[in-house]
Amino acid sequence: MSEPIQRILVVDDEERIRRLLKMYLEKEGYQIEEAEDGESALRMASANDYDLILLDVMLPGIDGIEVCSRLRQVKSTPVIMLTAKGEEMNRVQGFEVGADDYVVKPFSPREVIYRVKAILRRSSATAYLTKEANSSNNIVFPNLIIEHDAHRVTAGGQEVSLTPKEYELLHYLAISPDKVFSREDLLKDVWNYEFFGDLRTVDTHVKRLREKLNKVSPDAAAMITTVWGVGYKLEVPK
């Protein structure tokens, strides 16, 4: 039985960029739909279940940051932001509202394909787990339960809504409790970067993850520990 075709929404107000991305992505077997402004993107992304969204920051009307922020209230679809060179603040804002990655214009189509494949591979509910947690794939701590098959996280008895990348980061830390991971390790293994990336990507996602856990269980949030000068670990209460 063949795999279902993965659908990607490409959002950019420049037709030539949409056409370029569509051409390269269709060559890889993806089904592409397009939007040229923020309102159309938000409407399409809310009404359809895309596997991934490529979202330009600078859009007429509602900009890409606002689109991502509103989308995150109702969907956890992976989002790659497209930003112009030098728009560092936009990249930081993008991560803060829940973007999973960014690509800087002018971009290499090969880099876009690499990042698309990396995120789709890592956000797949069946492809991510490579280590045995236990026979049921559930990870259970006193204040935190991760049901991997269902991609469900419960903290303090309440379910926590996480984006795909937030979930993957938490799960990765949880399958090796008390082990310290550097930011470089996490970029490589969770974001699947084989090259040096922006380490603030990790910091921002850890911050968002802690905030979400803290709303329902400060004890669960406190398990994600910063090891100064090194990185992060999930610390099991003694």
Protein backbone atom coordinates (compact mmCIF):
# COMPACT_ATOMS: atom_id res chain seq x y z
CA MET A 1 0.00 0.00 0.00
CA SER A 2 1.48 3.32 -1.08
CA GLU A 3 2.07 6.19 1.33
CA PRO A 4 -0.45 9.06 1.13
CA ILE A 5 0.86 12.10 -0.72
CA GLN A 6 1.96 14.80 1.71
CA ARG A 7 0.38 18.23 1.24
CA ILE A 8 2.31 21.46 1.64
CA LEU A 9 0.91 24.99 1.66
CA VAL A 10 3.31 27.56 0.16
CA VAL A 11 2.57 31.13 1.27
CA ASP A 12 4.38 34.03 -0.41
CA ASP A 13 3.21 37.22 -2.11
CA GLU A 14 5.81 36.81 -4.87
CA GLU A 15 4.53 34.53 -7.62
CA ARG A 16 8.03 33.64 -8.86
CA ILE A 17 8.99 32.31 -5.40
CA ARG A 18 5.77 30.29 -5.14
CA ARG A 19 6.39 28.89 -8.61
CA LEU A 20 10.01 27.99 -7.81
CA LEU A 21 9.11 26.24 -4.56
CA LYS A 22 6.19 24.46 -6.17
CA MET A 23 8.38 23.15 -8.99
CA TYR A 24 11.08 21.76 -6.68
CA LEU A 25 8.67 20.35 -4.11
CA GLU A 26 6.48 18.65 -6.72
CA LYS A 27 9.62 16.98 -8.11
CA GLU A 28 10.01 15.42 -4.64
CA GLY A 29 6.46 14.06 -4.80
CA TYR A 30 4.65 16.57 -2.60
CA GLN A 31 1.23 18.03 -3.39
CA ILE A 32 1.44 21.82 -3.33
CA GLU A 33 -1.21 24.46 -2.71
CA GLU A 34 -0.55 28.19 -2.74
CA ALA A 35 -1.63 31.36 -0.95
CA GLU A 36 -0.46 34.88 -1.75
CA ASP A 37 -1.49 36.76 1.40
CA GLY A 38 -1.96 36.21 5.11
CA GLU A 39 -5.77 36.10 5.12
CA SER A 40 -5.88 33.39 2.44
CA ALA A 41 -3.15 31.45 4.20
CA LEU A 42 -4.96 31.53 7.53
CA ARG A 43 -8.26 30.51 5.95
CA MET A 44 -6.70 27.61 4.00
CA ALA A 45 -4.50 26.43 6.87
CA SER A 46 -7.42 26.43 9.32
CA ALA A 47 -9.76 24.58 6.95
CA ASN A 48 -7.29 21.95 5.71
CA ASP A 49 -4.89 19.48 7.30
CA TYR A 50 -1.57 20.24 5.64
CA ASP A 51 1.52 18.24 6.50
CA LEU A 52 3.65 21.40 6.47
CA ILE A 53 3.40 25.13 5.71
CA LEU A 54 6.12 27.26 4.11
CA LEU A 55 5.23 30.76 5.31
CA ASP A 56 6.78 34.06 4.24
CA VAL A 57 7.15 36.61 7.03
CA MET A 58 6.49 39.73 4.94
CA LEU A 59 2.95 39.37 3.62
CA PRO A 60 0.34 42.00 2.67
CA GLY A 61 -2.40 42.40 5.27
CA ILE A 62 -1.78 39.87 8.03
CA ASP A 63 1.96 39.14 8.18
CA GLY A 64 3.49 35.69 8.58
CA ILE A 65 4.17 36.13 12.32
CA GLU A 66 0.50 36.87 12.98
CA VAL A 67 -0.62 34.01 10.72
CA CYS A 68 1.57 31.57 12.65
CA SER A 69 0.42 32.94 16.00
CA ARG A 70 -3.28 32.59 15.13
CA LEU A 71 -2.77 29.19 13.53
CA ARG A 72 -1.06 27.87 16.66
CA GLN A 73 -4.28 28.51 18.60
CA VAL A 74 -6.08 25.86 16.55
CA LYS A 75 -3.48 23.72 14.73
CA SER A 76 -0.07 22.17 15.36
CA THR A 77 0.91 21.96 11.67
CA PRO A 78 4.71 22.26 11.24
CA VAL A 79 5.68 25.72 9.94
CA ILE A 80 8.88 26.82 8.18
CA MET A 81 9.18 30.61 7.99
CA LEU A 82 10.75 32.32 4.97
CA THR A 83 12.63 35.46 6.04
CA ALA A 84 14.73 38.02 4.20
CA LYS A 85 18.42 38.22 5.02
CA GLY A 86 19.01 40.41 8.06
CA GLU A 87 15.49 40.02 9.50
CA GLU A 88 16.88 38.47 12.67
CA MET A 89 14.10 39.85 14.86
CA ASN A 90 11.49 38.25 12.62
CA ARG A 91 13.15 34.86 13.04
CA VAL A 92 13.14 35.21 16.81
CA GLN A 93 9.48 36.31 16.73
CA GLY A 94 8.68 33.37 14.49
CA PHE A 95 10.09 30.89 17.00
CA GLU A 96 8.26 32.64 19.82
CA VAL A 97 4.88 32.14 18.11
CA GLY A 98 5.60 28.49 17.35
CA ALA A 99 7.45 28.23 14.03
CA ASP A 100 9.52 25.06 13.71
CA ASP A 101 12.29 26.36 11.44
CA TYR A 102 13.21 29.17 9.08
CA VAL A 103 14.91 29.57 5.72
CA VAL A 104 16.65 32.82 4.80
CA LYS A 105 16.09 34.41 1.37
CA PRO A 106 17.73 34.20 -1.08
CA PHE A 107 17.62 30.47 -0.44
CA SER A 108 18.92 27.39 -2.15
CA PRO A 109 16.04 25.11 -3.24
CA ARG A 110 18.18 22.20 -2.04
CA GLU A 111 18.27 23.67 1.47
CA VAL A 112 14.48 24.12 1.47
CA ILE A 113 13.97 20.49 0.39
CA TYR A 114 16.40 19.33 3.10
CA ARG A 115 14.58 21.22 5.83
CA VAL A 116 11.14 20.18 4.59
CA LYS A 117 12.15 16.52 4.58
CA ALA A 118 13.80 16.82 8.00
CA ILE A 119 10.71 18.31 9.62
CA LEU A 120 8.28 15.94 7.93
CA ARG A 121 10.41 12.99 8.96
CA ARG A 122 10.73 14.16 12.57
CA SER A 123 7.09 15.20 12.97
CA SER A 124 5.76 11.87 11.73
CA ALA A 125 3.95 10.02 14.47
CA THR A 126 5.48 6.74 13.35
CA ALA A 127 8.97 7.66 12.20
CA TYR A 128 10.41 9.48 15.17
CA LEU A 129 10.86 6.85 17.84
CA THR A 130 14.17 5.06 17.35
CA LYS A 131 14.87 4.11 20.94
CA GLU A 132 12.86 1.73 23.10
CA ALA A 133 11.26 3.62 25.95
CA ASN A 134 9.24 0.67 27.21
CA SER A 135 6.92 -1.94 25.76
CA SER A 136 3.96 0.43 25.47
CA ASN A 137 6.01 3.43 24.31
CA ASN A 138 4.73 5.38 27.33
CA ILE A 139 7.13 7.35 29.50
CA VAL A 140 5.83 7.86 33.03
CA PHE A 141 7.21 10.22 35.69
CA PRO A 142 5.46 11.36 38.89
CA ASN A 143 4.24 14.63 37.34
CA LEU A 144 4.61 13.91 33.64
CA ILE A 145 3.27 11.23 31.31
CA ILE A 146 4.21 10.98 27.61
CA GLU A 147 2.07 8.60 25.55
CA HIS A 148 4.15 8.32 22.42
CA ASP A 149 1.78 6.35 20.20
CA ALA A 150 -0.90 8.99 20.80
CA HIS A 151 1.58 11.90 20.88
CA ARG A 152 -0.14 12.94 24.11
CA VAL A 153 1.49 14.72 27.04
CA THR A 154 -0.16 14.94 30.45
CA ALA A 155 1.29 17.04 33.27
CA GLY A 156 -0.27 17.29 36.71
CA GLY A 157 -3.22 15.27 35.41
CA GLN A 158 -3.99 17.73 32.58
CA GLU A 159 -3.28 17.28 28.88
CA VAL A 160 -0.78 19.78 27.42
CA SER A 161 -1.12 20.98 23.83
CA LEU A 162 2.33 21.05 22.20
CA THR A 163 3.52 21.78 18.67
CA PRO A 164 5.27 18.87 16.90
CA LYS A 165 8.70 20.29 17.63
CA GLU A 166 7.93 21.00 21.29
CA TYR A 167 6.70 17.44 21.66
CA GLU A 168 9.77 15.97 19.96
CA LEU A 169 12.11 18.01 22.14
CA LEU A 170 10.36 16.87 25.34
CA HIS A 171 10.24 13.25 24.20
CA TYR A 172 13.92 13.27 23.23
CA LEU A 173 14.94 14.57 26.65
CA ALA A 174 12.57 12.15 28.40
CA ILE A 175 13.90 8.97 26.80
CA SER A 176 17.30 9.72 28.38
CA PRO A 177 16.41 11.22 31.77
CA ASP A 178 19.20 12.97 33.70
CA LYS A 179 21.45 12.95 30.62
CA VAL A 180 22.75 16.39 29.65
CA PHE A 181 22.45 17.37 25.97
CA SER A 182 24.26 20.32 24.45
CA ARG A 183 22.33 22.71 22.23
CA GLU A 184 24.34 21.36 19.29
CA ASP A 185 23.25 17.80 20.17
CA LEU A 186 19.60 18.85 20.27
CA LEU A 187 19.82 20.76 16.97
CA LYS A 188 21.34 17.73 15.32
CA ASP A 189 19.08 15.06 16.79
CA VAL A 190 15.73 16.81 17.20
CA TRP A 191 15.91 19.31 14.35
CA ASN A 192 18.01 16.89 12.28
CA TYR A 193 20.59 19.54 11.42
CA GLU A 194 23.85 18.00 10.29
CA PHE A 195 25.39 21.46 10.25
CA PHE A 196 25.69 24.37 12.66
CA GLY A 197 22.35 26.09 13.18
CA ASP A 198 21.00 28.92 15.31
CA LEU A 199 21.34 27.74 18.92
CA ARG A 200 18.58 30.14 20.00
CA THR A 201 16.18 27.80 18.21
CA VAL A 202 16.73 25.37 21.07
CA ASP A 203 16.54 28.02 23.80
CA THR A 204 13.26 29.42 22.49
CA HIS A 205 11.62 26.01 22.25
CA VAL A 206 12.76 25.07 25.76
CA LYS A 207 11.29 28.36 27.04
CA ARG A 208 7.94 27.73 25.32
CA LEU A 209 7.85 24.13 26.52
CA ARG A 210 8.50 25.16 30.13
CA GLU A 211 5.82 27.85 29.94
CA LYS A 212 3.20 25.40 28.68
CA LEU A 213 4.04 22.80 31.29
CA ASN A 214 4.16 25.41 34.04
CA LYS A 215 0.55 26.44 33.38
CA VAL A 216 -0.66 23.02 34.52
CA SER A 217 2.23 21.67 36.59
CA PRO A 218 5.16 23.75 37.87
CA ASP A 219 6.73 20.49 39.08
CA ALA A 220 6.74 19.10 35.51
CA ALA A 221 8.15 22.34 34.12
CA ALA A 222 10.94 22.27 36.72
CA MET A 223 12.08 18.88 35.41
CA ILE A 224 13.53 20.59 32.31
CA THR A 225 16.79 21.83 33.78
CA THR A 226 19.38 24.20 32.36
CA VAL A 227 22.95 23.03 32.86
CA TRP A 228 24.82 26.31 32.56
CA GLY A 229 27.53 26.35 29.94
CA VAL A 230 26.47 22.95 28.60
CA GLY A 231 22.82 22.57 27.65
CA TYR A 232 19.66 20.94 28.98
CA LYS A 233 18.42 17.78 30.64
CA LEU A 234 15.20 16.30 31.95
CA GLU A 235 15.85 15.79 35.65
CA VAL A 236 13.89 13.14 37.48
CA PRO A 237 12.84 14.22 41.01
CA LYS A 238 14.68 12.21 43.65
